[in-house]
Amino acid sequence: MTILKKVMDRAVDGLSVASFQITEPFAQKATTNVAALFELSDGHTLSIFFQNPDVSPKKIMPGDDLISWKWMLNKKDVTIAVAPERGRDLNVRNVALRVMGPAAKNSARFVSTKAND
C-alpha cells in the first residue's frame, strides 16, 4: 500500500494522498476482509477491500495472499477501472492514473459541494 500511495501521489498534479490506513480484519458475507482506506488531499476517499481466496476464507494469516475484490471512490464502485485486462493485472501506475484521474476531474466540484454542506 505504501508503493501505491507513492504512485498515487505522482499520478496527477494538484491531488495527493493525505493519509491512509489499513483496517483490522473484519467479517463480511462469510469471508474475512481487510480494507485499505486512502484519504486524498481534497477530501475524496478511496477504499480497497481485500479477501483471502484460499481454503480458509474466514481467517487471514500473515503469509496469506490477499486479492482486492472491490475498489470504491467515495461511494462509487470503480472496480471495473482497475480490473485485470486480458487475464493480466494492470501496472501500478495505470491503476493510480485510473483512480486519481476521475478524482482530479471532480475535485473542484467535490470541494465546493463539501464546503456547502
PDB file of N, CA and C in Angstrom:
ATOM      1  N   MET A   1       0.812  -1.179   0.000  1.00  0.00           N
ATOM      2  CA  MET A   1       0.000   0.000   0.000  1.00  0.00           C
ATOM      3  C   MET A   1       0.867   1.260   0.000  1.00  0.00           C
ATOM      4  N   THR A   2       2.038   1.167   0.582  1.00  0.00           N
ATOM      5  CA  THR A   2       2.943   2.315   0.581  1.00  0.00           C
ATOM      6  C   THR A   2       3.387   2.634  -0.847  1.00  0.00           C
ATOM      7  N   ILE A   3       3.647   1.606  -1.633  1.00  0.00           N
ATOM      8  CA  ILE A   3       4.036   1.821  -3.035  1.00  0.00           C
ATOM      9  C   ILE A   3       2.887   2.453  -3.802  1.00  0.00           C
ATOM     10  N   LEU A   4       1.665   1.945  -3.620  1.00  0.00           N
ATOM     11  CA  LEU A   4       0.508   2.516  -4.289  1.00  0.00           C
ATOM     12  C   LEU A   4       0.333   3.973  -3.887  1.00  0.00           C
ATOM     13  N   LYS A   5       0.510   4.298  -2.616  1.00  0.00           N
ATOM     14  CA  LYS A   5       0.394   5.681  -2.153  1.00  0.00           C
ATOM     15  C   LYS A   5       1.386   6.574  -2.880  1.00  0.00           C
ATOM     16  N   LYS A   6       2.641   6.140  -2.968  1.00  0.00           N
ATOM     17  CA  LYS A   6       3.670   6.948  -3.636  1.00  0.00           C
ATOM     18  C   LYS A   6       3.338   7.172  -5.109  1.00  0.00           C
ATOM     19  N   VAL A   7       2.852   6.142  -5.781  1.00  0.00           N
ATOM     20  CA  VAL A   7       2.499   6.268  -7.189  1.00  0.00           C
ATOM     21  C   VAL A   7       1.272   7.169  -7.347  1.00  0.00           C
ATOM     22  N   MET A   8       0.299   7.045  -6.450  1.00  0.00           N
ATOM     23  CA  MET A   8      -0.886   7.904  -6.497  1.00  0.00           C
ATOM     24  C   MET A   8      -0.511   9.373  -6.276  1.00  0.00           C
ATOM     25  N   ASP A   9       0.458   9.616  -5.414  1.00  0.00           N
ATOM     26  CA  ASP A   9       0.913  10.989  -5.149  1.00  0.00           C
ATOM     27  C   ASP A   9       1.474  11.646  -6.415  1.00  0.00           C
ATOM     28  N   ARG A  10       2.083  10.847  -7.300  1.00  0.00           N
ATOM     29  CA  ARG A  10       2.689  11.379  -8.520  1.00  0.00           C
ATOM     30  C   ARG A  10       1.787  11.261  -9.743  1.00  0.00           C
ATOM     31  N   ALA A  11       0.632  10.650  -9.617  1.00  0.00           N
ATOM     32  CA  ALA A  11      -0.209  10.347 -10.783  1.00  0.00           C
ATOM     33  C   ALA A  11      -0.789  11.588 -11.451  1.00  0.00           C
ATOM     34  N   VAL A  12      -1.280  12.528 -10.686  1.00  0.00           N
ATOM     35  CA  VAL A  12      -1.890  13.748 -11.245  1.00  0.00           C
ATOM     36  C   VAL A  12      -1.407  14.960 -10.461  1.00  0.00           C
ATOM     37  N   ASP A  13      -1.380  16.096 -11.128  1.00  0.00           N
ATOM     38  CA  ASP A  13      -0.974  17.344 -10.465  1.00  0.00           C
ATOM     39  C   ASP A  13      -2.113  17.874  -9.600  1.00  0.00           C
ATOM     40  N   GLY A  14      -1.760  18.390  -8.440  1.00  0.00           N
ATOM     41  CA  GLY A  14      -2.735  19.048  -7.586  1.00  0.00           C
ATOM     42  C   GLY A  14      -3.548  18.143  -6.682  1.00  0.00           C
ATOM     43  N   LEU A  15      -3.287  16.850  -6.717  1.00  0.00           N
ATOM     44  CA  LEU A  15      -4.033  15.918  -5.866  1.00  0.00           C
ATOM     45  C   LEU A  15      -3.077  14.845  -5.367  1.00  0.00           C
ATOM     46  N   SER A  16      -3.139  14.573  -4.089  1.00  0.00           N
ATOM     47  CA  SER A  16      -2.252  13.578  -3.500  1.00  0.00           C
ATOM     48  C   SER A  16      -2.982  12.843  -2.373  1.00  0.00           C
ATOM     49  N   VAL A  17      -2.318  11.860  -1.823  1.00  0.00           N
ATOM     50  CA  VAL A  17      -2.869  11.107  -0.699  1.00  0.00           C
ATOM     51  C   VAL A  17      -2.478  11.826   0.591  1.00  0.00           C
ATOM     52  N   ALA A  18      -3.479  12.261   1.345  1.00  0.00           N
ATOM     53  CA  ALA A  18      -3.225  12.948   2.613  1.00  0.00           C
ATOM     54  C   ALA A  18      -2.871  11.937   3.704  1.00  0.00           C
ATOM     55  N   SER A  19      -3.564  10.799   3.709  1.00  0.00           N
ATOM     56  CA  SER A  19      -3.287   9.761   4.700  1.00  0.00           C
ATOM     57  C   SER A  19      -3.884   8.442   4.234  1.00  0.00           C
ATOM     58  N   PHE A  20      -3.399   7.362   4.820  1.00  0.00           N
ATOM     59  CA  PHE A  20      -4.016   6.064   4.550  1.00  0.00           C
ATOM     60  C   PHE A  20      -3.862   5.180   5.767  1.00  0.00           C
ATOM     61  N   GLN A  21      -4.760   4.227   5.869  1.00  0.00           N
ATOM     62  CA  GLN A  21      -4.706   3.262   6.958  1.00  0.00           C
ATOM     63  C   GLN A  21      -5.207   1.915   6.462  1.00  0.00           C
ATOM     64  N   ILE A  22      -4.802   0.883   7.144  1.00  0.00           N
ATOM     65  CA  ILE A  22      -5.254  -0.469   6.841  1.00  0.00           C
ATOM     66  C   ILE A  22      -6.029  -0.960   8.051  1.00  0.00           C
ATOM     67  N   THR A  23      -7.249  -1.439   7.813  1.00  0.00           N
ATOM     68  CA  THR A  23      -8.115  -1.847   8.915  1.00  0.00           C
ATOM     69  C   THR A  23      -7.690  -3.196   9.476  1.00  0.00           C
ATOM     70  N   GLU A  24      -8.211  -3.480  10.630  1.00  0.00           N
ATOM     71  CA  GLU A  24      -8.103  -4.825  11.192  1.00  0.00           C
ATOM     72  C   GLU A  24      -9.031  -5.732  10.380  1.00  0.00           C
ATOM     73  N   PRO A  25      -8.760  -7.022  10.331  1.00  0.00           N
ATOM     74  CA  PRO A  25      -9.667  -7.936   9.612  1.00  0.00           C
ATOM     75  C   PRO A  25     -11.094  -7.860  10.170  1.00  0.00           C
ATOM     76  N   PHE A  26     -12.078  -7.935   9.262  1.00  0.00           N
ATOM     77  CA  PHE A  26     -13.477  -7.923   9.659  1.00  0.00           C
ATOM     78  C   PHE A  26     -14.247  -8.918   8.795  1.00  0.00           C
ATOM     79  N   ALA A  27     -15.325  -9.463   9.357  1.00  0.00           N
ATOM     80  CA  ALA A  27     -16.134 -10.458   8.651  1.00  0.00           C
ATOM     81  C   ALA A  27     -17.208  -9.770   7.826  1.00  0.00           C
ATOM     82  N   GLN A  28     -17.391 -10.271   6.597  1.00  0.00           N
ATOM     83  CA  GLN A  28     -18.435  -9.767   5.722  1.00  0.00           C
ATOM     84  C   GLN A  28     -18.778 -10.862   4.714  1.00  0.00           C
ATOM     85  N   LYS A  29     -20.045 -11.226   4.664  1.00  0.00           N
ATOM     86  CA  LYS A  29     -20.544 -12.229   3.717  1.00  0.00           C
ATOM     87  C   LYS A  29     -19.725 -13.525   3.733  1.00  0.00           C
ATOM     88  N   ALA A  30     -19.566 -14.086   4.897  1.00  0.00           N
ATOM     89  CA  ALA A  30     -18.924 -15.389   5.106  1.00  0.00           C
ATOM     90  C   ALA A  30     -17.436 -15.420   4.772  1.00  0.00           C
ATOM     91  N   THR A  31     -16.798 -14.277   4.614  1.00  0.00           N
ATOM     92  CA  THR A  31     -15.348 -14.233   4.438  1.00  0.00           C
ATOM     93  C   THR A  31     -14.785 -13.127   5.321  1.00  0.00           C
ATOM     94  N   THR A  32     -13.501 -13.201   5.532  1.00  0.00           N
ATOM     95  CA  THR A  32     -12.824 -12.168   6.293  1.00  0.00           C
ATOM     96  C   THR A  32     -12.164 -11.214   5.318  1.00  0.00           C
ATOM     97  N   ASN A  33     -12.325  -9.939   5.564  1.00  0.00           N
ATOM     98  CA  ASN A  33     -11.799  -8.891   4.693  1.00  0.00           C
ATOM     99  C   ASN A  33     -10.857  -7.975   5.449  1.00  0.00           C
ATOM    100  N   VAL A  34     -10.051  -7.269   4.692  1.00  0.00           N
ATOM    101  CA  VAL A  34      -9.219  -6.185   5.195  1.00  0.00           C
ATOM    102  C   VAL A  34      -9.418  -5.046   4.210  1.00  0.00           C
ATOM    103  N   ALA A  35      -9.483  -3.816   4.698  1.00  0.00           N
ATOM    104  CA  ALA A  35      -9.659  -2.664   3.821  1.00  0.00           C
ATOM    105  C   ALA A  35      -8.479  -1.706   3.964  1.00  0.00           C
ATOM    106  N   ALA A  36      -8.079  -1.143   2.835  1.00  0.00           N
ATOM    107  CA  ALA A  36      -7.100  -0.055   2.827  1.00  0.00           C
ATOM    108  C   ALA A  36      -7.882   1.210   2.501  1.00  0.00           C
ATOM    109  N   LEU A  37      -7.785   2.210   3.359  1.00  0.00           N
ATOM    110  CA  LEU A  37      -8.545   3.450   3.210  1.00  0.00           C
ATOM    111  C   LEU A  37      -7.575   4.599   2.953  1.00  0.00           C
ATOM    112  N   PHE A  38      -7.737   5.246   1.799  1.00  0.00           N
ATOM    113  CA  PHE A  38      -6.899   6.373   1.422  1.00  0.00           C
ATOM    114  C   PHE A  38      -7.740   7.643   1.464  1.00  0.00           C
ATOM    115  N   GLU A  39      -7.276   8.671   2.143  1.00  0.00           N
ATOM    116  CA  GLU A  39      -7.933   9.971   2.109  1.00  0.00           C
ATOM    117  C   GLU A  39      -7.086  10.878   1.229  1.00  0.00           C
ATOM    118  N   LEU A  40      -7.707  11.437   0.193  1.00  0.00           N
ATOM    119  CA  LEU A  40      -6.997  12.310  -0.727  1.00  0.00           C
ATOM    120  C   LEU A  40      -6.980  13.734  -0.201  1.00  0.00           C
ATOM    121  N   SER A  41      -6.089  14.546  -0.729  1.00  0.00           N
ATOM    122  CA  SER A  41      -5.894  15.905  -0.215  1.00  0.00           C
ATOM    123  C   SER A  41      -7.123  16.796  -0.353  1.00  0.00           C
ATOM    124  N   ASP A  42      -8.054  16.460  -1.259  1.00  0.00           N
ATOM    125  CA  ASP A  42      -9.257  17.278  -1.409  1.00  0.00           C
ATOM    126  C   ASP A  42     -10.455  16.710  -0.640  1.00  0.00           C
ATOM    127  N   GLY A  43     -10.261  15.600   0.069  1.00  0.00           N
ATOM    128  CA  GLY A  43     -11.335  15.010   0.858  1.00  0.00           C
ATOM    129  C   GLY A  43     -11.946  13.755   0.255  1.00  0.00           C
ATOM    130  N   HIS A  44     -11.658  13.456  -1.024  1.00  0.00           N
ATOM    131  CA  HIS A  44     -12.126  12.190  -1.599  1.00  0.00           C
ATOM    132  C   HIS A  44     -11.574  11.030  -0.773  1.00  0.00           C
ATOM    133  N   THR A  45     -12.272   9.925  -0.773  1.00  0.00           N
ATOM    134  CA  THR A  45     -11.760   8.716  -0.120  1.00  0.00           C
ATOM    135  C   THR A  45     -11.751   7.565  -1.115  1.00  0.00           C
ATOM    136  N   LEU A  46     -10.716   6.770  -1.051  1.00  0.00           N
ATOM    137  CA  LEU A  46     -10.599   5.554  -1.851  1.00  0.00           C
ATOM    138  C   LEU A  46     -10.515   4.391  -0.879  1.00  0.00           C
ATOM    139  N   SER A  47     -11.411   3.434  -1.035  1.00  0.00           N
ATOM    140  CA  SER A  47     -11.414   2.243  -0.182  1.00  0.00           C
ATOM    141  C   SER A  47     -11.153   1.031  -1.064  1.00  0.00           C
ATOM    142  N   ILE A  48     -10.211   0.203  -0.645  1.00  0.00           N
ATOM    143  CA  ILE A  48      -9.893  -1.022  -1.367  1.00  0.00           C
ATOM    144  C   ILE A  48     -10.129  -2.182  -0.413  1.00  0.00           C
ATOM    145  N   PHE A  49     -10.992  -3.106  -0.810  1.00  0.00           N
ATOM    146  CA  PHE A  49     -11.331  -4.249   0.028  1.00  0.00           C
ATOM    147  C   PHE A  49     -10.601  -5.491  -0.479  1.00  0.00           C
ATOM    148  N   PHE A  50      -9.985  -6.219   0.444  1.00  0.00           N
ATOM    149  CA  PHE A  50      -9.228  -7.423   0.135  1.00  0.00           C
ATOM    150  C   PHE A  50      -9.858  -8.612   0.849  1.00  0.00           C
ATOM    151  N   GLN A  51      -9.746  -9.788   0.219  1.00  0.00           N
ATOM    152  CA  GLN A  51     -10.186 -11.020   0.861  1.00  0.00           C
ATOM    153  C   GLN A  51      -9.152 -12.110   0.630  1.00  0.00           C
ATOM    154  N   ASN A  52      -9.283 -13.175   1.388  1.00  0.00           N
ATOM    155  CA  ASN A  52      -8.386 -14.322   1.324  1.00  0.00           C
ATOM    156  C   ASN A  52      -9.075 -15.427   0.516  1.00  0.00           C
ATOM    157  N   PRO A  53      -8.628 -15.704  -0.705  1.00  0.00           N
ATOM    158  CA  PRO A  53      -9.334 -16.668  -1.547  1.00  0.00           C
ATOM    159  C   PRO A  53      -8.939 -18.128  -1.331  1.00  0.00           C
ATOM    160  N   ASP A  54      -8.125 -18.439  -0.325  1.00  0.00           N
ATOM    161  CA  ASP A  54      -7.689 -19.827  -0.180  1.00  0.00           C
ATOM    162  C   ASP A  54      -8.733 -20.688   0.529  1.00  0.00           C
ATOM    163  N   VAL A  55      -8.328 -21.837   1.007  1.00  0.00           N
ATOM    164  CA  VAL A  55      -9.263 -22.801   1.595  1.00  0.00           C
ATOM    165  C   VAL A  55      -9.814 -22.373   2.955  1.00  0.00           C
ATOM    166  N   SER A  56      -9.244 -21.363   3.554  1.00  0.00           N
ATOM    167  CA  SER A  56      -9.749 -20.872   4.839  1.00  0.00           C
ATOM    168  C   SER A  56     -10.113 -19.386   4.728  1.00  0.00           C
ATOM    169  N   PRO A  57     -11.201 -19.075   4.017  1.00  0.00           N
ATOM    170  CA  PRO A  57     -11.545 -17.668   3.800  1.00  0.00           C
ATOM    171  C   PRO A  57     -12.006 -16.919   5.050  1.00  0.00           C
ATOM    172  N   LYS A  58     -12.254 -17.651   6.135  1.00  0.00           N
ATOM    173  CA  LYS A  58     -12.732 -16.987   7.348  1.00  0.00           C
ATOM    174  C   LYS A  58     -11.609 -16.494   8.250  1.00  0.00           C
ATOM    175  N   LYS A  59     -10.359 -16.805   7.901  1.00  0.00           N
ATOM    176  CA  LYS A  59      -9.267 -16.262   8.697  1.00  0.00           C
ATOM    177  C   LYS A  59      -8.106 -15.874   7.789  1.00  0.00           C
ATOM    178  N   ILE A  60      -7.425 -14.837   8.201  1.00  0.00           N
ATOM    179  CA  ILE A  60      -6.297 -14.311   7.448  1.00  0.00           C
ATOM    180  C   ILE A  60      -5.045 -14.512   8.278  1.00  0.00           C
ATOM    181  N   MET A  61      -4.089 -15.190   7.680  1.00  0.00           N
ATOM    182  CA  MET A  61      -2.816 -15.453   8.339  1.00  0.00           C
ATOM    183  C   MET A  61      -1.750 -14.520   7.751  1.00  0.00           C
ATOM    184  N   PRO A  62      -0.662 -14.273   8.472  1.00  0.00           N
ATOM    185  CA  PRO A  62       0.358 -13.334   7.993  1.00  0.00           C
ATOM    186  C   PRO A  62       0.922 -13.657   6.599  1.00  0.00           C
ATOM    187  N   GLY A  63       1.026 -14.905   6.229  1.00  0.00           N
ATOM    188  CA  GLY A  63       1.597 -15.271   4.937  1.00  0.00           C
ATOM    189  C   GLY A  63       0.590 -15.409   3.807  1.00  0.00           C
ATOM    190  N   ASP A  64      -0.691 -15.147   4.066  1.00  0.00           N
ATOM    191  CA  ASP A  64      -1.733 -15.308   3.045  1.00  0.00           C
ATOM    192  C   ASP A  64      -1.634 -14.246   1.959  1.00  0.00           C
ATOM    193  N   ASP A  65      -1.935 -14.653   0.738  1.00  0.00           N
ATOM    194  CA  ASP A  65      -2.079 -13.699  -0.363  1.00  0.00           C
ATOM    195  C   ASP A  65      -3.502 -13.167  -0.329  1.00  0.00           C
ATOM    196  N   LEU A  66      -3.639 -11.861  -0.441  1.00  0.00           N
ATOM    197  CA  LEU A  66      -4.962 -11.240  -0.444  1.00  0.00           C
ATOM    198  C   LEU A  66      -5.269 -10.713  -1.840  1.00  0.00           C
ATOM    199  N   ILE A  67      -6.522 -10.818  -2.223  1.00  0.00           N
ATOM    200  CA  ILE A  67      -6.982 -10.366  -3.531  1.00  0.00           C
ATOM    201  C   ILE A  67      -7.919  -9.179  -3.332  1.00  0.00           C
ATOM    202  N   SER A  68      -7.671  -8.095  -4.078  1.00  0.00           N
ATOM    203  CA  SER A  68      -8.609  -6.970  -3.995  1.00  0.00           C
ATOM    204  C   SER A  68      -9.842  -7.341  -4.798  1.00  0.00           C
ATOM    205  N   TRP A  69     -10.997  -7.141  -4.206  1.00  0.00           N
ATOM    206  CA  TRP A  69     -12.237  -7.511  -4.886  1.00  0.00           C
ATOM    207  C   TRP A  69     -13.176  -6.334  -5.080  1.00  0.00           C
ATOM    208  N   LYS A  70     -12.892  -5.224  -4.403  1.00  0.00           N
ATOM    209  CA  LYS A  70     -13.763  -4.059  -4.568  1.00  0.00           C
ATOM    210  C   LYS A  70     -12.961  -2.787  -4.319  1.00  0.00           C
ATOM    211  N   TRP A  71     -13.120  -1.818  -5.232  1.00  0.00           N
ATOM    212  CA  TRP A  71     -12.491  -0.506  -5.126  1.00  0.00           C
ATOM    213  C   TRP A  71     -13.606   0.533  -5.141  1.00  0.00           C
ATOM    214  N   MET A  72     -13.633   1.420  -4.146  1.00  0.00           N
ATOM    215  CA  MET A  72     -14.677   2.439  -4.050  1.00  0.00           C
ATOM    216  C   MET A  72     -14.031   3.823  -3.971  1.00  0.00           C
ATOM    217  N   LEU A  73     -14.440   4.720  -4.874  1.00  0.00           N
ATOM    218  CA  LEU A  73     -14.039   6.113  -4.805  1.00  0.00           C
ATOM    219  C   LEU A  73     -15.233   6.850  -4.230  1.00  0.00           C
ATOM    220  N   ASN A  74     -15.091   7.326  -3.004  1.00  0.00           N
ATOM    221  CA  ASN A  74     -16.211   7.808  -2.197  1.00  0.00           C
ATOM    222  C   ASN A  74     -17.219   6.662  -2.099  1.00  0.00           C
ATOM    223  N   LYS A  75     -18.414   6.803  -2.653  1.00  0.00           N
ATOM    224  CA  LYS A  75     -19.392   5.710  -2.591  1.00  0.00           C
ATOM    225  C   LYS A  75     -19.618   5.070  -3.952  1.00  0.00           C
ATOM    226  N   LYS A  76     -18.773   5.397  -4.923  1.00  0.00           N
ATOM    227  CA  LYS A  76     -18.928   4.871  -6.272  1.00  0.00           C
ATOM    228  C   LYS A  76     -17.970   3.703  -6.493  1.00  0.00           C
ATOM    229  N   ASP A  77     -18.511   2.598  -6.966  1.00  0.00           N
ATOM    230  CA  ASP A  77     -17.719   1.407  -7.250  1.00  0.00           C
ATOM    231  C   ASP A  77     -16.907   1.628  -8.525  1.00  0.00           C
ATOM    232  N   VAL A  78     -15.574   1.626  -8.403  1.00  0.00           N
ATOM    233  CA  VAL A  78     -14.685   1.829  -9.552  1.00  0.00           C
ATOM    234  C   VAL A  78     -13.840   0.590  -9.833  1.00  0.00           C
ATOM    235  N   THR A  79     -14.303  -0.556  -9.362  1.00  0.00           N
ATOM    236  CA  THR A  79     -13.549  -1.798  -9.515  1.00  0.00           C
ATOM    237  C   THR A  79     -13.244  -2.107 -10.973  1.00  0.00           C
ATOM    238  N   ILE A  80     -14.197  -1.860 -11.858  1.00  0.00           N
ATOM    239  CA  ILE A  80     -14.009  -2.187 -13.270  1.00  0.00           C
ATOM    240  C   ILE A  80     -12.844  -1.409 -13.877  1.00  0.00           C
ATOM    241  N   ALA A  81     -12.570  -0.226 -13.363  1.00  0.00           N
ATOM    242  CA  ALA A  81     -11.475   0.596 -13.894  1.00  0.00           C
ATOM    243  C   ALA A  81     -10.106   0.003 -13.611  1.00  0.00           C
ATOM    244  N   VAL A  82     -10.001  -0.807 -12.569  1.00  0.00           N
ATOM    245  CA  VAL A  82      -8.700  -1.364 -12.185  1.00  0.00           C
ATOM    246  C   VAL A  82      -8.649  -2.879 -12.326  1.00  0.00           C
ATOM    247  N   ALA A  83      -9.667  -3.447 -12.944  1.00  0.00           N
ATOM    248  CA  ALA A  83      -9.735  -4.903 -13.116  1.00  0.00           C
ATOM    249  C   ALA A  83      -8.678  -5.374 -14.117  1.00  0.00           C
ATOM    250  N   PRO A  84      -8.206  -6.604 -13.960  1.00  0.00           N
ATOM    251  CA  PRO A  84      -7.243  -7.150 -14.928  1.00  0.00           C
ATOM    252  C   PRO A  84      -7.810  -7.117 -16.346  1.00  0.00           C
ATOM    253  N   GLU A  85      -6.922  -6.897 -17.304  1.00  0.00           N
ATOM    254  CA  GLU A  85      -7.318  -6.877 -18.709  1.00  0.00           C
ATOM    255  C   GLU A  85      -6.641  -8.035 -19.429  1.00  0.00           C
ATOM    256  N   ARG A  86      -7.441  -8.792 -20.171  1.00  0.00           N
ATOM    257  CA  ARG A  86      -6.939  -9.964 -20.912  1.00  0.00           C
ATOM    258  C   ARG A  86      -6.175 -10.929 -20.002  1.00  0.00           C
ATOM    259  N   GLY A  87      -6.681 -11.062 -18.764  1.00  0.00           N
ATOM    260  CA  GLY A  87      -6.088 -12.005 -17.821  1.00  0.00           C
ATOM    261  C   GLY A  87      -4.817 -11.529 -17.144  1.00  0.00           C
ATOM    262  N   ARG A  88      -4.434 -10.285 -17.351  1.00  0.00           N
ATOM    263  CA  ARG A  88      -3.202  -9.770 -16.753  1.00  0.00           C
ATOM    264  C   ARG A  88      -3.511  -8.587 -15.848  1.00  0.00           C
ATOM    265  N   ASP A  89      -2.867  -8.549 -14.691  1.00  0.00           N
ATOM    266  CA  ASP A  89      -3.024  -7.425 -13.776  1.00  0.00           C
ATOM    267  C   ASP A  89      -2.455  -6.155 -14.407  1.00  0.00           C
ATOM    268  N   LEU A  90      -3.009  -5.029 -14.028  1.00  0.00           N
ATOM    269  CA  LEU A  90      -2.527  -3.741 -14.517  1.00  0.00           C
ATOM    270  C   LEU A  90      -1.274  -3.322 -13.759  1.00  0.00           C
ATOM    271  N   ASN A  91      -0.449  -2.535 -14.402  1.00  0.00           N
ATOM    272  CA  ASN A  91       0.706  -1.930 -13.776  1.00  0.00           C
ATOM    273  C   ASN A  91       0.221  -0.955 -12.711  1.00  0.00           C
ATOM    274  N   VAL A  92       0.927  -0.826 -11.623  1.00  0.00           N
ATOM    275  CA  VAL A  92       0.502   0.044 -10.519  1.00  0.00           C
ATOM    276  C   VAL A  92       0.350   1.500 -10.979  1.00  0.00           C
ATOM    277  N   ARG A  93       1.138   1.935 -11.953  1.00  0.00           N
ATOM    278  CA  ARG A  93       1.000   3.308 -12.474  1.00  0.00           C
ATOM    279  C   ARG A  93      -0.347   3.486 -13.165  1.00  0.00           C
ATOM    280  N   ASN A  94      -0.753   2.493 -13.948  1.00  0.00           N
ATOM    281  CA  ASN A  94      -2.055   2.563 -14.618  1.00  0.00           C
ATOM    282  C   ASN A  94      -3.195   2.557 -13.613  1.00  0.00           C
ATOM    283  N   VAL A  95      -3.059   1.764 -12.579  1.00  0.00           N
ATOM    284  CA  VAL A  95      -4.084   1.723 -11.530  1.00  0.00           C
ATOM    285  C   VAL A  95      -4.218   3.106 -10.893  1.00  0.00           C
ATOM    286  N   ALA A  96      -3.090   3.721 -10.547  1.00  0.00           N
ATOM    287  CA  ALA A  96      -3.108   5.037  -9.921  1.00  0.00           C
ATOM    288  C   ALA A  96      -3.748   6.078 -10.841  1.00  0.00           C
ATOM    289  N   LEU A  97      -3.408   6.059 -12.113  1.00  0.00           N
ATOM    290  CA  LEU A  97      -3.995   7.013 -13.062  1.00  0.00           C
ATOM    291  C   LEU A  97      -5.492   6.806 -13.212  1.00  0.00           C
ATOM    292  N   ARG A  98      -5.931   5.556 -13.243  1.00  0.00           N
ATOM    293  CA  ARG A  98      -7.349   5.259 -13.424  1.00  0.00           C
ATOM    294  C   ARG A  98      -8.186   5.618 -12.210  1.00  0.00           C
ATOM    295  N   VAL A  99      -7.568   5.707 -11.056  1.00  0.00           N
ATOM    296  CA  VAL A  99      -8.294   6.093  -9.846  1.00  0.00           C
ATOM    297  C   VAL A  99      -8.170   7.601  -9.595  1.00  0.00           C
ATOM    298  N   MET A 100      -6.958   8.125  -9.743  1.00  0.00           N
ATOM    299  CA  MET A 100      -6.722   9.532  -9.445  1.00  0.00           C
ATOM    300  C   MET A 100      -7.254  10.457 -10.537  1.00  0.00           C
ATOM    301  N   GLY A 101      -7.301   9.995 -11.776  1.00  0.00           N
ATOM    302  CA  GLY A 101      -7.810  10.825 -12.880  1.00  0.00           C
ATOM    303  C   GLY A 101      -9.231  11.304 -12.638  1.00  0.00           C
ATOM    304  N   PRO A 102     -10.190  10.388 -12.415  1.00  0.00           N
ATOM    305  CA  PRO A 102     -11.560  10.827 -12.139  1.00  0.00           C
ATOM    306  C   PRO A 102     -11.673  11.679 -10.866  1.00  0.00           C
ATOM    307  N   ALA A 103     -10.879  11.356  -9.854  1.00  0.00           N
ATOM    308  CA  ALA A 103     -10.911  12.151  -8.626  1.00  0.00           C
ATOM    309  C   ALA A 103     -10.431  13.573  -8.902  1.00  0.00           C
ATOM    310  N   ALA A 104      -9.389  13.719  -9.712  1.00  0.00           N
ATOM    311  CA  ALA A 104      -8.862  15.046 -10.042  1.00  0.00           C
ATOM    312  C   ALA A 104      -9.860  15.837 -10.880  1.00  0.00           C
ATOM    313  N   LYS A 105     -10.519  15.181 -11.836  1.00  0.00           N
ATOM    314  CA  LYS A 105     -11.504  15.866 -12.676  1.00  0.00           C
ATOM    315  C   LYS A 105     -12.676  16.389 -11.843  1.00  0.00           C
ATOM    316  N   ASN A 106     -13.024  15.669 -10.808  1.00  0.00           N
ATOM    317  CA  ASN A 106     -14.173  16.019  -9.975  1.00  0.00           C
ATOM    318  C   ASN A 106     -13.774  16.830  -8.740  1.00  0.00           C
ATOM    319  N   SER A 107     -12.502  17.112  -8.569  1.00  0.00           N
ATOM    320  CA  SER A 107     -12.002  17.696  -7.339  1.00  0.00           C
ATOM    321  C   SER A 107     -12.626  19.054  -7.011  1.00  0.00           C
ATOM    322  N   ALA A 108     -12.644  19.975  -7.955  1.00  0.00           N
ATOM    323  CA  ALA A 108     -13.172  21.316  -7.679  1.00  0.00           C
ATOM    324  C   ALA A 108     -14.643  21.249  -7.281  1.00  0.00           C
ATOM    325  N   ARG A 109     -15.429  20.465  -8.008  1.00  0.00           N
ATOM    326  CA  ARG A 109     -16.853  20.339  -7.691  1.00  0.00           C
ATOM    327  C   ARG A 109     -17.039  19.648  -6.345  1.00  0.00           C
ATOM    328  N   PHE A 110     -16.209  18.644  -6.058  1.00  0.00           N
ATOM    329  CA  PHE A 110     -16.309  17.913  -4.803  1.00  0.00           C
ATOM    330  C   PHE A 110     -16.017  18.845  -3.618  1.00  0.00           C
ATOM    331  N   VAL A 111     -14.953  19.645  -3.718  1.00  0.00           N
ATOM    332  CA  VAL A 111     -14.584  20.577  -2.650  1.00  0.00           C
ATOM    333  C   VAL A 111     -15.688  21.602  -2.452  1.00  0.00           C
ATOM    334  N   SER A 112     -16.228  22.132  -3.549  1.00  0.00           N
ATOM    335  CA  SER A 112     -17.312  23.119  -3.473  1.00  0.00           C
ATOM    336  C   SER A 112     -18.553  22.553  -2.796  1.00  0.00           C
ATOM    337  N   THR A 113     -18.942  21.345  -3.195  1.00  0.00           N
ATOM    338  CA  THR A 113     -20.117  20.696  -2.599  1.00  0.00           C
ATOM    339  C   THR A 113     -19.902  20.414  -1.127  1.00  0.00           C
ATOM    340  N   LYS A 114     -18.707  19.971  -0.803  1.00  0.00           N
ATOM    341  CA  LYS A 114     -18.396  19.642   0.588  1.00  0.00           C
ATOM    342  C   LYS A 114     -18.403  20.909   1.459  1.00  0.00           C
ATOM    343  N   ALA A 115     -17.957  22.029   0.896  1.00  0.00           N
ATOM    344  CA  ALA A 115     -17.948  23.290   1.644  1.00  0.00           C
ATOM    345  C   ALA A 115     -19.360  23.793   1.902  1.00  0.00           C
ATOM    346  N   ASN A 116     -20.291  23.493   0.998  1.00  0.00           N
ATOM    347  CA  ASN A 116     -21.684  23.940   1.150  1.00  0.00           C
ATOM    348  C   ASN A 116     -22.460  23.095   2.156  1.00  0.00           C
ATOM    349  N   ASP A 117     -21.965  21.918   2.487  1.00  0.00           N
ATOM    350  CA  ASP A 117     -22.684  21.040   3.441  1.00  0.00           C
ATOM    351  C   ASP A 117     -22.584  21.504   4.852  1.00  0.00           C
TER     352      ASP A 117
END
